[in-house]
Amino acid sequence: MAVRKKTINFEQSIDELESLVEALESGTLSLEDSLKAFEKGVRITRECQDALKEAEQKISLLSQNSQGVISANAFDQPEES
């Protein structure tokens, strides 16, 4: 059986990270709860980094021209023919 990679909702993950940071900064969490929140934050951060790397790889592949050369074009400027 193939293992399917878990997809994340990037925006929800960022919101969750912000909530965790606010809770940690508030100073109201116990040491144990702070550690759990920190561990969860690290896990979410890694998932977000993986999602960003994957998106970057997709963009890189889509940006290659027919000779396999990657061209760096600004998104708001059309390519010249």
C-alpha atoms as a PDB file:
ATOM      1  CA  MET A   1       0.000   0.000   0.000  1.00  0.00           C
ATOM      2  CA  ALA A   2       1.388   3.414  -0.976  1.00  0.00           C
ATOM      3  CA  VAL A   3       1.704   6.013   1.739  1.00  0.00           C
ATOM      4  CA  ARG A   4      -0.034   9.220   0.782  1.00  0.00           C
ATOM      5  CA  LYS A   5       1.666  12.418   1.867  1.00  0.00           C
ATOM      6  CA  LYS A   6      -0.503  14.495   4.193  1.00  0.00           C
ATOM      7  CA  THR A   7      -1.509  17.775   2.622  1.00  0.00           C
ATOM      8  CA  ILE A   8      -1.836  20.802   4.832  1.00  0.00           C
ATOM      9  CA  ASN A   9      -3.816  23.981   4.587  1.00  0.00           C
ATOM     10  CA  PHE A  10      -0.974  26.479   4.674  1.00  0.00           C
ATOM     11  CA  GLU A  11      -3.053  29.438   5.819  1.00  0.00           C
ATOM     12  CA  GLN A  12      -4.671  27.444   8.642  1.00  0.00           C
ATOM     13  CA  SER A  13      -1.244  26.249   9.747  1.00  0.00           C
ATOM     14  CA  ILE A  14       0.069  29.811   9.869  1.00  0.00           C
ATOM     15  CA  ASP A  15      -2.969  30.869  11.907  1.00  0.00           C
ATOM     16  CA  GLU A  16      -2.377  27.973  14.300  1.00  0.00           C
ATOM     17  CA  LEU A  17       1.278  28.954  14.652  1.00  0.00           C
ATOM     18  CA  GLU A  18       0.268  32.519  15.478  1.00  0.00           C
ATOM     19  CA  SER A  19      -2.114  31.236  18.160  1.00  0.00           C
ATOM     20  CA  LEU A  20       0.605  29.048  19.645  1.00  0.00           C
ATOM     21  CA  VAL A  21       3.055  31.953  19.749  1.00  0.00           C
ATOM     22  CA  GLU A  22       0.467  34.184  21.437  1.00  0.00           C
ATOM     23  CA  ALA A  23      -0.213  31.492  24.047  1.00  0.00           C
ATOM     24  CA  LEU A  24       3.500  31.005  24.679  1.00  0.00           C
ATOM     25  CA  GLU A  25       4.138  34.742  24.910  1.00  0.00           C
ATOM     26  CA  SER A  26       1.255  35.255  27.312  1.00  0.00           C
ATOM     27  CA  GLY A  27       3.125  33.363  30.005  1.00  0.00           C
ATOM     28  CA  THR A  28      -0.060  31.724  31.274  1.00  0.00           C
ATOM     29  CA  LEU A  29       0.795  28.186  30.173  1.00  0.00           C
ATOM     30  CA  SER A  30       2.357  25.701  32.524  1.00  0.00           C
ATOM     31  CA  LEU A  31       5.835  24.431  31.705  1.00  0.00           C
ATOM     32  CA  GLU A  32       4.375  21.160  30.423  1.00  0.00           C
ATOM     33  CA  ASP A  33       1.784  22.931  28.255  1.00  0.00           C
ATOM     34  CA  SER A  34       4.436  25.335  26.978  1.00  0.00           C
ATOM     35  CA  LEU A  35       6.621  22.421  25.940  1.00  0.00           C
ATOM     36  CA  LYS A  36       3.694  20.735  24.153  1.00  0.00           C
ATOM     37  CA  ALA A  37       2.842  23.984  22.371  1.00  0.00           C
ATOM     38  CA  PHE A  38       6.469  24.454  21.349  1.00  0.00           C
ATOM     39  CA  GLU A  39       6.696  20.891  20.006  1.00  0.00           C
ATOM     40  CA  LYS A  40       3.484  21.384  18.047  1.00  0.00           C
ATOM     41  CA  GLY A  41       4.818  24.663  16.672  1.00  0.00           C
ATOM     42  CA  VAL A  42       8.032  22.988  15.503  1.00  0.00           C
ATOM     43  CA  ARG A  43       6.021  20.232  13.786  1.00  0.00           C
ATOM     44  CA  ILE A  44       3.744  22.738  12.037  1.00  0.00           C
ATOM     45  CA  THR A  45       6.738  24.851  10.990  1.00  0.00           C
ATOM     46  CA  ARG A  46       8.390  21.821   9.397  1.00  0.00           C
ATOM     47  CA  GLU A  47       5.184  20.912   7.570  1.00  0.00           C
ATOM     48  CA  CYS A  48       4.927  24.477   6.244  1.00  0.00           C
ATOM     49  CA  GLN A  49       8.570  24.462   5.147  1.00  0.00           C
ATOM     50  CA  ASP A  50       7.984  21.179   3.295  1.00  0.00           C
ATOM     51  CA  ALA A  51       4.899  22.633   1.604  1.00  0.00           C
ATOM     52  CA  LEU A  52       6.861  25.719   0.538  1.00  0.00           C
ATOM     53  CA  LYS A  53       9.717  23.578  -0.846  1.00  0.00           C
ATOM     54  CA  GLU A  54       7.243  21.503  -2.817  1.00  0.00           C
ATOM     55  CA  ALA A  55       5.594  24.628  -4.230  1.00  0.00           C
ATOM     56  CA  GLU A  56       9.008  26.057  -5.138  1.00  0.00           C
ATOM     57  CA  GLN A  57       9.919  22.829  -6.967  1.00  0.00           C
ATOM     58  CA  LYS A  58       6.643  22.903  -8.911  1.00  0.00           C
ATOM     59  CA  ILE A  59       7.216  26.530  -9.892  1.00  0.00           C
ATOM     60  CA  SER A  60      10.774  25.721 -10.920  1.00  0.00           C
ATOM     61  CA  LEU A  61       9.593  22.857 -13.135  1.00  0.00           C
ATOM     62  CA  LEU A  62       6.903  25.004 -14.693  1.00  0.00           C
ATOM     63  CA  SER A  63       9.414  27.808 -15.309  1.00  0.00           C
ATOM     64  CA  GLN A  64      11.838  25.684 -17.351  1.00  0.00           C
ATOM     65  CA  ASN A  65      11.946  26.466 -21.056  1.00  0.00           C
ATOM     66  CA  SER A  66      12.236  23.843 -23.792  1.00  0.00           C
ATOM     67  CA  GLN A  67      16.046  23.602 -23.345  1.00  0.00           C
ATOM     68  CA  GLY A  68      15.666  22.880 -19.631  1.00  0.00           C
ATOM     69  CA  VAL A  69      16.985  26.300 -18.633  1.00  0.00           C
ATOM     70  CA  ILE A  70      15.171  27.975 -15.796  1.00  0.00           C
ATOM     71  CA  SER A  71      14.276  31.562 -16.531  1.00  0.00           C
ATOM     72  CA  ALA A  72      13.595  34.032 -13.764  1.00  0.00           C
ATOM     73  CA  ASN A  73      10.715  36.244 -14.793  1.00  0.00           C
ATOM     74  CA  ALA A  74       8.786  38.658 -12.626  1.00  0.00           C
ATOM     75  CA  PHE A  75       5.186  37.574 -12.187  1.00  0.00           C
ATOM     76  CA  ASP A  76       3.782  40.955 -13.198  1.00  0.00           C
ATOM     77  CA  GLN A  77       5.816  41.279 -16.413  1.00  0.00           C
ATOM     78  CA  PRO A  78       4.907  39.270 -19.520  1.00  0.00           C
ATOM     79  CA  GLU A  79       7.672  37.255 -21.189  1.00  0.00           C
ATOM     80  CA  GLU A  80       9.161  38.766 -24.342  1.00  0.00           C
ATOM     81  CA  SER A  81       8.840  36.726 -27.541  1.00  0.00           C
END
